[in-house]
N, C-alpha and C. Protein backbone atom coordinates (compact mmCIF):
# COMPACT_ATOMS: atom_id res chain seq x y z
N UNK A 1 -19.12 -9.73 -5.09
CA UNK A 1 -18.26 -8.69 -4.58
C UNK A 1 -17.00 -8.52 -5.40
N UNK A 2 -16.49 -9.65 -5.95
CA UNK A 2 -15.25 -9.55 -6.70
C UNK A 2 -15.11 -10.73 -7.64
N UNK A 3 -14.53 -10.48 -8.80
CA UNK A 3 -14.20 -11.53 -9.74
C UNK A 3 -12.69 -11.56 -9.98
N UNK A 4 -11.92 -10.97 -9.06
CA UNK A 4 -10.48 -10.86 -9.23
C UNK A 4 -9.72 -12.11 -8.86
N UNK A 5 -10.32 -13.02 -8.10
CA UNK A 5 -9.67 -14.26 -7.70
C UNK A 5 -10.21 -15.39 -8.56
N UNK A 6 -9.38 -16.39 -8.81
CA UNK A 6 -9.86 -17.54 -9.57
C UNK A 6 -10.95 -18.25 -8.77
N UNK A 7 -10.72 -18.49 -7.49
CA UNK A 7 -11.72 -19.05 -6.59
C UNK A 7 -11.82 -18.15 -5.36
N UNK A 8 -13.02 -17.97 -4.85
CA UNK A 8 -13.23 -17.21 -3.62
C UNK A 8 -13.92 -18.13 -2.64
N UNK A 9 -13.26 -18.41 -1.51
CA UNK A 9 -13.79 -19.38 -0.56
C UNK A 9 -13.95 -18.77 0.82
N UNK A 10 -14.80 -19.39 1.60
CA UNK A 10 -15.02 -19.07 3.01
C UNK A 10 -15.34 -17.60 3.26
N UNK A 11 -16.40 -17.08 2.62
CA UNK A 11 -16.75 -15.68 2.87
C UNK A 11 -17.38 -15.50 4.25
N UNK A 12 -17.14 -14.33 4.83
CA UNK A 12 -17.72 -13.97 6.13
C UNK A 12 -18.23 -12.54 6.07
N UNK A 13 -19.35 -12.28 6.75
CA UNK A 13 -19.91 -10.94 6.84
C UNK A 13 -19.97 -10.49 8.28
N UNK A 14 -19.85 -9.19 8.50
CA UNK A 14 -20.05 -8.60 9.82
C UNK A 14 -20.70 -7.23 9.62
N UNK A 15 -21.96 -7.07 10.07
CA UNK A 15 -22.64 -5.79 9.91
C UNK A 15 -22.43 -4.87 11.11
N UNK A 16 -22.44 -3.57 10.84
CA UNK A 16 -22.42 -2.55 11.88
C UNK A 16 -23.25 -1.38 11.37
N UNK A 17 -24.48 -1.28 11.81
CA UNK A 17 -25.39 -0.28 11.27
C UNK A 17 -25.65 -0.55 9.81
N UNK A 18 -25.50 0.47 8.95
CA UNK A 18 -25.72 0.27 7.52
C UNK A 18 -24.44 -0.16 6.79
N UNK A 19 -23.34 -0.35 7.55
CA UNK A 19 -22.08 -0.81 6.95
C UNK A 19 -21.98 -2.32 7.07
N UNK A 20 -21.64 -2.96 5.98
CA UNK A 20 -21.46 -4.41 5.95
C UNK A 20 -20.02 -4.68 5.53
N UNK A 21 -19.29 -5.40 6.38
CA UNK A 21 -17.91 -5.77 6.09
C UNK A 21 -17.92 -7.21 5.57
N UNK A 22 -17.07 -7.50 4.59
CA UNK A 22 -16.99 -8.85 4.02
C UNK A 22 -15.53 -9.23 3.80
N UNK A 23 -15.20 -10.46 4.14
CA UNK A 23 -13.88 -11.01 3.80
C UNK A 23 -14.09 -12.36 3.15
N UNK A 24 -13.11 -12.80 2.39
CA UNK A 24 -13.08 -14.12 1.78
C UNK A 24 -11.62 -14.43 1.45
N UNK A 25 -11.37 -15.69 1.13
CA UNK A 25 -10.02 -16.10 0.77
C UNK A 25 -9.97 -16.31 -0.73
N UNK A 26 -9.17 -15.49 -1.40
CA UNK A 26 -9.02 -15.61 -2.84
C UNK A 26 -7.91 -16.60 -3.17
N UNK A 27 -8.23 -17.58 -3.98
CA UNK A 27 -7.25 -18.57 -4.41
C UNK A 27 -6.87 -18.33 -5.87
N UNK A 28 -5.61 -18.35 -6.14
CA UNK A 28 -5.11 -18.21 -7.50
C UNK A 28 -4.51 -19.54 -7.91
N UNK A 29 -5.31 -20.36 -8.56
CA UNK A 29 -4.86 -21.70 -8.94
C UNK A 29 -4.15 -21.74 -10.29
N UNK A 30 -4.17 -20.61 -11.02
CA UNK A 30 -3.53 -20.60 -12.34
C UNK A 30 -2.34 -19.64 -12.41
N UNK A 31 -2.15 -18.83 -11.38
CA UNK A 31 -1.06 -17.86 -11.38
C UNK A 31 -1.42 -16.63 -12.19
N UNK A 32 -1.19 -15.49 -11.63
CA UNK A 32 -1.44 -14.25 -12.35
C UNK A 32 -2.75 -13.56 -12.04
N UNK A 33 -3.60 -14.14 -11.18
CA UNK A 33 -4.84 -13.45 -10.80
C UNK A 33 -4.49 -12.23 -9.95
N UNK A 34 -5.33 -11.21 -10.01
CA UNK A 34 -5.03 -9.95 -9.34
C UNK A 34 -5.01 -10.07 -7.82
N UNK A 35 -5.88 -10.88 -7.24
CA UNK A 35 -6.00 -10.95 -5.78
C UNK A 35 -5.98 -12.40 -5.30
N UNK A 36 -5.06 -12.68 -4.39
CA UNK A 36 -4.98 -13.99 -3.75
C UNK A 36 -4.62 -13.75 -2.29
N UNK A 37 -5.34 -14.40 -1.40
CA UNK A 37 -5.15 -14.22 0.03
C UNK A 37 -6.44 -13.76 0.66
N UNK A 38 -6.34 -13.07 1.78
CA UNK A 38 -7.54 -12.58 2.47
C UNK A 38 -7.96 -11.26 1.84
N UNK A 39 -9.15 -11.27 1.26
CA UNK A 39 -9.69 -10.13 0.55
C UNK A 39 -10.77 -9.46 1.40
N UNK A 40 -10.91 -8.14 1.26
CA UNK A 40 -11.88 -7.37 2.05
C UNK A 40 -12.61 -6.38 1.15
N UNK A 41 -13.90 -6.23 1.41
CA UNK A 41 -14.71 -5.18 0.77
C UNK A 41 -15.77 -4.75 1.79
N UNK A 42 -16.29 -3.55 1.62
CA UNK A 42 -17.33 -3.09 2.52
C UNK A 42 -18.40 -2.32 1.75
N UNK A 43 -19.58 -2.34 2.31
CA UNK A 43 -20.70 -1.58 1.80
C UNK A 43 -21.09 -0.59 2.87
N UNK A 44 -21.28 0.66 2.49
CA UNK A 44 -21.73 1.66 3.46
C UNK A 44 -23.19 2.06 3.21
N UNK A 45 -23.85 1.33 2.29
CA UNK A 45 -25.26 1.62 2.00
C UNK A 45 -26.13 0.37 2.18
N UNK A 46 -25.82 -0.41 3.20
CA UNK A 46 -26.65 -1.58 3.52
C UNK A 46 -26.56 -2.71 2.53
N UNK A 47 -25.50 -2.77 1.75
CA UNK A 47 -25.32 -3.87 0.80
C UNK A 47 -25.70 -3.52 -0.62
N UNK A 48 -26.10 -2.27 -0.86
CA UNK A 48 -26.45 -1.86 -2.22
C UNK A 48 -25.25 -1.88 -3.15
N UNK A 49 -24.12 -1.38 -2.68
CA UNK A 49 -22.88 -1.39 -3.44
C UNK A 49 -21.73 -1.73 -2.49
N UNK A 50 -20.64 -2.23 -3.05
CA UNK A 50 -19.47 -2.57 -2.26
C UNK A 50 -18.23 -1.90 -2.84
N UNK A 51 -17.29 -1.61 -1.96
CA UNK A 51 -16.02 -1.04 -2.38
C UNK A 51 -15.23 -2.07 -3.20
N UNK A 52 -14.25 -1.62 -3.97
CA UNK A 52 -13.38 -2.59 -4.64
C UNK A 52 -12.66 -3.46 -3.61
N UNK A 53 -12.36 -4.69 -3.98
CA UNK A 53 -11.66 -5.61 -3.08
C UNK A 53 -10.25 -5.12 -2.79
N UNK A 54 -9.84 -5.31 -1.53
CA UNK A 54 -8.50 -4.97 -1.07
C UNK A 54 -7.90 -6.24 -0.48
N UNK A 55 -6.65 -6.54 -0.79
CA UNK A 55 -5.97 -7.69 -0.20
C UNK A 55 -5.42 -7.29 1.17
N UNK A 56 -5.98 -7.87 2.23
CA UNK A 56 -5.50 -7.58 3.59
C UNK A 56 -4.24 -8.37 3.92
N UNK A 57 -4.18 -9.60 3.43
CA UNK A 57 -3.01 -10.46 3.67
C UNK A 57 -2.82 -11.33 2.43
N UNK A 58 -1.67 -11.23 1.77
CA UNK A 58 -1.45 -12.05 0.57
C UNK A 58 -1.37 -13.54 0.93
N UNK A 59 -1.62 -14.37 -0.05
CA UNK A 59 -1.60 -15.82 0.16
C UNK A 59 -0.24 -16.32 0.63
N UNK A 60 0.81 -15.57 0.39
CA UNK A 60 2.14 -15.97 0.86
C UNK A 60 2.29 -15.76 2.37
N UNK A 61 1.36 -15.00 3.00
CA UNK A 61 1.43 -14.73 4.43
C UNK A 61 0.21 -15.21 5.20
N UNK A 62 -0.89 -15.49 4.53
CA UNK A 62 -2.11 -15.99 5.16
C UNK A 62 -2.36 -17.41 4.68
N UNK A 63 -2.43 -18.34 5.61
CA UNK A 63 -2.50 -19.75 5.23
C UNK A 63 -3.88 -20.37 5.34
N UNK A 64 -4.86 -19.58 5.77
CA UNK A 64 -6.23 -20.07 5.78
C UNK A 64 -7.16 -18.88 5.68
N UNK A 65 -8.43 -19.13 5.38
CA UNK A 65 -9.38 -18.02 5.34
C UNK A 65 -9.45 -17.32 6.69
N UNK A 66 -9.68 -16.05 6.66
CA UNK A 66 -9.73 -15.28 7.89
C UNK A 66 -11.09 -15.35 8.57
N UNK A 67 -11.13 -14.82 9.78
CA UNK A 67 -12.34 -14.69 10.56
C UNK A 67 -12.56 -13.21 10.81
N UNK A 68 -13.81 -12.78 10.89
CA UNK A 68 -14.16 -11.37 10.90
C UNK A 68 -15.15 -11.06 12.00
N UNK A 69 -14.95 -9.90 12.65
CA UNK A 69 -15.91 -9.37 13.62
C UNK A 69 -15.79 -7.85 13.58
N UNK A 70 -16.83 -7.17 14.04
CA UNK A 70 -16.75 -5.71 14.10
C UNK A 70 -17.57 -5.21 15.28
N UNK A 71 -17.25 -3.99 15.68
CA UNK A 71 -17.96 -3.31 16.75
C UNK A 71 -17.86 -1.82 16.46
N UNK A 72 -18.96 -1.23 16.02
CA UNK A 72 -18.92 0.18 15.62
C UNK A 72 -17.98 0.36 14.44
N UNK A 73 -17.05 1.30 14.56
CA UNK A 73 -16.08 1.55 13.48
C UNK A 73 -14.86 0.64 13.55
N UNK A 74 -14.79 -0.21 14.56
CA UNK A 74 -13.65 -1.12 14.69
C UNK A 74 -13.96 -2.43 13.96
N UNK A 75 -13.03 -2.85 13.10
CA UNK A 75 -13.18 -4.09 12.35
C UNK A 75 -11.98 -4.96 12.67
N UNK A 76 -12.24 -6.23 12.97
CA UNK A 76 -11.21 -7.15 13.42
C UNK A 76 -11.15 -8.36 12.49
N UNK A 77 -9.94 -8.75 12.10
CA UNK A 77 -9.73 -9.95 11.29
C UNK A 77 -8.60 -10.75 11.93
N UNK A 78 -8.77 -12.05 11.99
CA UNK A 78 -7.70 -12.92 12.46
C UNK A 78 -7.57 -14.10 11.50
N UNK A 79 -6.35 -14.62 11.40
CA UNK A 79 -6.08 -15.73 10.49
C UNK A 79 -4.79 -16.41 10.92
N UNK A 80 -4.55 -17.61 10.40
CA UNK A 80 -3.28 -18.30 10.62
C UNK A 80 -2.33 -17.85 9.52
N UNK A 81 -1.16 -17.35 9.93
CA UNK A 81 -0.23 -16.87 8.94
C UNK A 81 1.08 -16.41 9.54
N UNK A 82 1.77 -15.59 8.79
CA UNK A 82 3.08 -15.09 9.20
C UNK A 82 2.98 -13.59 9.46
N UNK A 83 3.51 -13.16 10.60
CA UNK A 83 3.64 -11.74 10.95
C UNK A 83 4.73 -11.62 11.99
N UNK A 84 5.38 -10.50 12.02
CA UNK A 84 6.44 -10.23 13.01
C UNK A 84 7.50 -11.34 13.02
N UNK A 85 7.75 -11.94 11.87
CA UNK A 85 8.79 -12.96 11.75
C UNK A 85 8.42 -14.34 12.26
N UNK A 86 7.16 -14.58 12.62
CA UNK A 86 6.77 -15.89 13.12
C UNK A 86 5.43 -16.34 12.57
N UNK A 87 5.15 -17.64 12.74
CA UNK A 87 3.88 -18.23 12.31
C UNK A 87 2.96 -18.36 13.51
N UNK A 88 1.67 -18.12 13.29
CA UNK A 88 0.68 -18.33 14.34
C UNK A 88 -0.60 -17.57 14.05
N UNK A 89 -1.31 -17.23 15.12
CA UNK A 89 -2.55 -16.48 15.02
C UNK A 89 -2.20 -15.01 14.82
N UNK A 90 -2.64 -14.47 13.68
CA UNK A 90 -2.33 -13.09 13.29
C UNK A 90 -3.61 -12.25 13.42
N UNK A 91 -3.43 -10.99 13.77
CA UNK A 91 -4.55 -10.07 14.01
C UNK A 91 -4.39 -8.82 13.16
N UNK A 92 -5.50 -8.40 12.53
CA UNK A 92 -5.56 -7.15 11.79
C UNK A 92 -6.65 -6.27 12.39
N UNK A 93 -6.41 -4.97 12.46
CA UNK A 93 -7.35 -4.03 13.07
C UNK A 93 -7.55 -2.81 12.18
N UNK A 94 -8.81 -2.44 12.01
CA UNK A 94 -9.17 -1.16 11.41
C UNK A 94 -9.99 -0.40 12.44
N UNK A 95 -9.61 0.84 12.71
CA UNK A 95 -10.34 1.66 13.67
C UNK A 95 -11.25 2.67 12.97
N UNK A 96 -11.27 2.63 11.63
CA UNK A 96 -12.08 3.59 10.89
C UNK A 96 -13.02 2.90 9.90
N UNK A 97 -13.64 1.83 10.36
CA UNK A 97 -14.65 1.16 9.55
C UNK A 97 -14.15 0.47 8.31
N UNK A 98 -12.87 0.07 8.29
CA UNK A 98 -12.31 -0.64 7.15
C UNK A 98 -11.69 0.25 6.09
N UNK A 99 -11.63 1.56 6.33
CA UNK A 99 -11.01 2.46 5.35
C UNK A 99 -9.51 2.25 5.28
N UNK A 100 -8.88 1.95 6.42
CA UNK A 100 -7.45 1.63 6.45
C UNK A 100 -7.21 0.59 7.54
N UNK A 101 -6.05 -0.06 7.47
CA UNK A 101 -5.75 -1.17 8.37
C UNK A 101 -4.38 -1.01 8.98
N UNK A 102 -4.25 -1.38 10.26
CA UNK A 102 -2.95 -1.41 10.93
C UNK A 102 -2.16 -2.60 10.40
N UNK A 103 -0.87 -2.59 10.63
CA UNK A 103 -0.01 -3.70 10.21
C UNK A 103 -0.43 -4.97 10.95
N UNK A 104 -0.28 -6.13 10.32
CA UNK A 104 -0.62 -7.39 11.00
C UNK A 104 0.26 -7.62 12.22
N UNK A 105 -0.33 -8.22 13.26
CA UNK A 105 0.39 -8.52 14.50
C UNK A 105 0.24 -10.00 14.83
N UNK A 106 1.31 -10.62 15.24
CA UNK A 106 1.27 -12.01 15.69
C UNK A 106 0.78 -12.02 17.14
N UNK A 107 -0.38 -12.66 17.38
CA UNK A 107 -0.93 -12.72 18.73
C UNK A 107 -0.43 -13.91 19.53
N UNK A 108 -0.34 -15.07 18.88
CA UNK A 108 0.09 -16.29 19.57
C UNK A 108 0.84 -17.17 18.58
N UNK A 109 2.12 -17.42 18.84
CA UNK A 109 2.89 -18.28 17.94
C UNK A 109 2.37 -19.72 17.93
N UNK A 110 2.61 -20.40 16.84
CA UNK A 110 2.30 -21.83 16.69
C UNK A 110 0.86 -22.16 17.01
N UNK A 111 -0.06 -21.30 16.59
CA UNK A 111 -1.48 -21.55 16.81
C UNK A 111 -2.26 -21.08 15.59
N UNK A 112 -3.56 -21.37 15.59
CA UNK A 112 -4.43 -20.93 14.52
C UNK A 112 -5.78 -20.53 15.13
N UNK A 113 -6.41 -19.49 14.59
CA UNK A 113 -7.69 -19.06 15.15
C UNK A 113 -8.83 -19.96 14.71
N UNK A 114 -9.75 -20.21 15.62
CA UNK A 114 -10.96 -20.97 15.32
C UNK A 114 -12.18 -20.06 15.22
N UNK A 115 -12.26 -19.06 16.11
CA UNK A 115 -13.40 -18.14 16.19
C UNK A 115 -12.94 -16.77 16.63
N UNK A 116 -13.72 -15.75 16.30
CA UNK A 116 -13.51 -14.40 16.81
C UNK A 116 -14.87 -13.82 17.13
N UNK A 117 -14.97 -13.08 18.25
CA UNK A 117 -16.23 -12.44 18.63
C UNK A 117 -15.90 -11.15 19.38
N UNK A 118 -16.77 -10.15 19.21
CA UNK A 118 -16.54 -8.87 19.87
C UNK A 118 -17.85 -8.26 20.35
N UNK A 119 -17.71 -7.40 21.34
CA UNK A 119 -18.81 -6.59 21.85
C UNK A 119 -18.19 -5.33 22.43
N UNK A 120 -18.49 -4.18 21.85
CA UNK A 120 -17.85 -2.95 22.31
C UNK A 120 -16.35 -3.07 22.15
N UNK A 121 -15.61 -2.79 23.21
CA UNK A 121 -14.15 -2.91 23.17
C UNK A 121 -13.66 -4.30 23.54
N UNK A 122 -14.56 -5.19 23.94
CA UNK A 122 -14.17 -6.55 24.31
C UNK A 122 -14.08 -7.43 23.07
N UNK A 123 -12.98 -8.15 22.98
CA UNK A 123 -12.70 -8.97 21.80
C UNK A 123 -12.07 -10.28 22.25
N UNK A 124 -12.53 -11.38 21.66
CA UNK A 124 -12.04 -12.71 22.03
C UNK A 124 -11.69 -13.50 20.78
N UNK A 125 -10.60 -14.25 20.87
CA UNK A 125 -10.18 -15.15 19.80
C UNK A 125 -10.00 -16.52 20.41
N UNK A 126 -10.77 -17.49 19.91
CA UNK A 126 -10.61 -18.89 20.31
C UNK A 126 -9.57 -19.49 19.37
N UNK A 127 -8.54 -20.13 19.93
CA UNK A 127 -7.45 -20.64 19.10
C UNK A 127 -7.19 -22.11 19.39
N UNK A 128 -6.56 -22.76 18.44
CA UNK A 128 -6.07 -24.12 18.61
C UNK A 128 -4.55 -24.10 18.50
N UNK A 129 -3.91 -24.96 19.26
CA UNK A 129 -2.45 -25.06 19.19
C UNK A 129 -2.06 -25.89 17.98
N UNK A 130 -0.99 -25.52 17.33
CA UNK A 130 -0.58 -26.18 16.10
C UNK A 130 -0.12 -27.62 16.33
N UNK A 131 0.63 -27.88 17.35
CA UNK A 131 1.25 -29.20 17.53
C UNK A 131 0.51 -30.12 18.49
N UNK A 132 -0.56 -29.63 19.11
CA UNK A 132 -1.32 -30.45 20.06
C UNK A 132 -2.80 -30.28 19.77
N UNK A 133 -3.63 -30.93 20.55
CA UNK A 133 -5.08 -30.77 20.42
C UNK A 133 -5.61 -29.70 21.37
N UNK A 134 -4.73 -28.99 22.06
CA UNK A 134 -5.15 -27.99 23.03
C UNK A 134 -5.79 -26.77 22.33
N UNK A 135 -6.74 -26.18 23.03
CA UNK A 135 -7.40 -24.97 22.57
C UNK A 135 -7.40 -23.96 23.70
N UNK A 136 -7.58 -22.70 23.35
CA UNK A 136 -7.63 -21.67 24.37
C UNK A 136 -8.35 -20.44 23.87
N UNK A 137 -8.34 -19.40 24.71
CA UNK A 137 -9.01 -18.16 24.39
C UNK A 137 -8.08 -17.00 24.72
N UNK A 138 -7.91 -16.10 23.76
CA UNK A 138 -7.22 -14.84 23.97
C UNK A 138 -8.27 -13.76 24.15
N UNK A 139 -8.00 -12.78 25.00
CA UNK A 139 -8.96 -11.72 25.22
C UNK A 139 -8.31 -10.35 25.22
N UNK A 140 -9.09 -9.37 24.78
CA UNK A 140 -8.66 -7.97 24.80
C UNK A 140 -9.85 -7.15 25.29
N UNK A 141 -9.61 -6.23 26.20
CA UNK A 141 -10.68 -5.35 26.67
C UNK A 141 -10.50 -3.93 26.14
N UNK A 142 -9.53 -3.75 25.23
CA UNK A 142 -9.29 -2.43 24.65
C UNK A 142 -9.24 -2.49 23.12
N UNK A 143 -10.16 -3.25 22.54
CA UNK A 143 -10.33 -3.35 21.09
C UNK A 143 -9.09 -3.85 20.36
N UNK A 144 -8.35 -4.75 21.01
CA UNK A 144 -7.23 -5.40 20.34
C UNK A 144 -5.89 -4.72 20.50
N UNK A 145 -5.81 -3.68 21.31
CA UNK A 145 -4.52 -3.02 21.54
C UNK A 145 -3.62 -3.92 22.38
N UNK A 146 -4.14 -4.41 23.49
CA UNK A 146 -3.39 -5.36 24.33
C UNK A 146 -4.18 -6.65 24.45
N UNK A 147 -3.46 -7.75 24.66
CA UNK A 147 -4.08 -9.07 24.71
C UNK A 147 -3.55 -9.84 25.91
N UNK A 148 -4.39 -10.76 26.41
CA UNK A 148 -3.94 -11.68 27.44
C UNK A 148 -4.57 -13.05 27.18
N UNK A 149 -3.88 -14.08 27.62
CA UNK A 149 -4.41 -15.44 27.50
C UNK A 149 -5.45 -15.61 28.59
N UNK A 150 -6.68 -15.92 28.21
CA UNK A 150 -7.76 -16.12 29.17
C UNK A 150 -7.90 -17.60 29.54
N UNK A 151 -7.49 -18.48 28.62
CA UNK A 151 -7.58 -19.92 28.89
C UNK A 151 -6.64 -20.65 27.93
N UNK A 152 -6.01 -21.72 28.42
CA UNK A 152 -5.23 -22.60 27.55
C UNK A 152 -5.80 -24.02 27.56
N UNK A 153 -6.95 -24.18 28.19
CA UNK A 153 -7.57 -25.52 28.22
C UNK A 153 -9.06 -25.46 27.88
N UNK A 154 -9.43 -24.57 26.97
CA UNK A 154 -10.82 -24.49 26.51
C UNK A 154 -11.11 -25.65 25.58
N UNK A 155 -12.33 -26.15 25.59
CA UNK A 155 -12.68 -27.19 24.62
C UNK A 155 -12.75 -26.60 23.21
N UNK A 156 -12.61 -27.43 22.19
CA UNK A 156 -12.80 -26.92 20.82
C UNK A 156 -14.23 -26.40 20.66
N UNK A 157 -14.39 -25.19 20.21
CA UNK A 157 -15.70 -24.57 20.08
C UNK A 157 -16.06 -24.43 18.61
N UNK A 158 -17.38 -24.37 18.33
CA UNK A 158 -17.84 -24.18 16.96
C UNK A 158 -18.54 -22.84 16.76
N UNK A 159 -18.92 -22.18 17.85
CA UNK A 159 -19.49 -20.84 17.75
C UNK A 159 -19.32 -20.13 19.07
N UNK A 160 -19.21 -18.80 19.01
CA UNK A 160 -18.98 -18.01 20.21
C UNK A 160 -19.62 -16.64 19.99
N UNK A 161 -20.37 -16.16 20.99
CA UNK A 161 -20.98 -14.84 20.94
C UNK A 161 -20.66 -14.13 22.25
N UNK A 162 -20.52 -12.82 22.19
CA UNK A 162 -20.14 -12.03 23.36
C UNK A 162 -21.24 -11.02 23.64
N UNK A 163 -21.58 -10.86 24.93
CA UNK A 163 -22.49 -9.81 25.37
C UNK A 163 -21.69 -8.85 26.25
N UNK A 164 -22.37 -7.90 26.84
CA UNK A 164 -21.69 -6.93 27.69
C UNK A 164 -21.00 -7.58 28.88
N UNK A 165 -21.51 -8.72 29.35
CA UNK A 165 -20.95 -9.34 30.55
C UNK A 165 -20.57 -10.81 30.42
N UNK A 166 -20.92 -11.45 29.30
CA UNK A 166 -20.71 -12.90 29.19
C UNK A 166 -20.17 -13.30 27.81
N UNK A 167 -19.49 -14.43 27.79
CA UNK A 167 -19.13 -15.11 26.55
C UNK A 167 -20.00 -16.36 26.49
N UNK A 168 -20.72 -16.54 25.42
CA UNK A 168 -21.52 -17.74 25.20
C UNK A 168 -20.84 -18.54 24.10
N UNK A 169 -20.64 -19.84 24.32
CA UNK A 169 -19.95 -20.66 23.33
C UNK A 169 -20.54 -22.06 23.31
N UNK A 170 -20.47 -22.68 22.13
CA UNK A 170 -20.93 -24.06 21.97
C UNK A 170 -19.87 -24.83 21.21
N UNK A 171 -19.89 -26.13 21.41
CA UNK A 171 -18.98 -27.03 20.71
C UNK A 171 -19.56 -28.42 20.71
N UNK A 172 -18.91 -29.30 20.01
CA UNK A 172 -19.36 -30.69 19.95
C UNK A 172 -18.71 -31.47 21.07
N UNK A 173 -19.50 -32.31 21.71
CA UNK A 173 -19.01 -33.13 22.81
C UNK A 173 -18.19 -34.28 22.24
N UNK A 174 -16.98 -34.43 22.74
CA UNK A 174 -16.09 -35.49 22.28
C UNK A 174 -16.52 -36.81 22.91
N UNK A 175 -16.83 -37.80 22.08
CA UNK A 175 -17.22 -39.11 22.58
C UNK A 175 -16.01 -39.86 23.12
N UNK A 176 -16.22 -40.76 24.04
CA UNK A 176 -15.14 -41.55 24.60
C UNK A 176 -15.02 -41.35 26.09
N UNK A 177 -13.93 -41.86 26.66
CA UNK A 177 -13.72 -41.75 28.09
C UNK A 177 -13.38 -40.33 28.50
N UNK A 178 -13.94 -39.90 29.62
CA UNK A 178 -13.65 -38.58 30.17
C UNK A 178 -13.35 -38.74 31.64
N UNK A 179 -12.37 -38.05 32.13
CA UNK A 179 -11.97 -38.15 33.52
C UNK A 179 -12.25 -36.85 34.23
């Protein structure tokens, strides 16, 4: 998709019909590479060709690879970084299939996203707290316009899928004493 970054790590794909959205984290280990941070490209012909890479969040503002989900023409990206003057879980939204993007928004301070999943207008972000081992879930029923905390005591999850009526999630069982 791109040779503009010295290293490209943690790629993610999200298909919607014949459109395929892709993100990855471009690392510039030598200084001077054209793209560093969360990079985005899309294919509108089922993967035959891809658009030129666009930097959604520079490495100075995005501190880990992003997570990607889509639903129709809505494309969602979340990452740990800086937005609105604070550090935490940041959210990016495109309502036109990735052609343009809204400004980044800080969803939850002092946290980092673990997973993102969407179905229609329903969108969920599983997050971890920065200073503790606590995890939770943020939810939006209007495609990311408004958000609410759905849980602050969710277990750490490794995968999450959303249907019209349910959230399905899995994680690893923590060994040791449980009360």
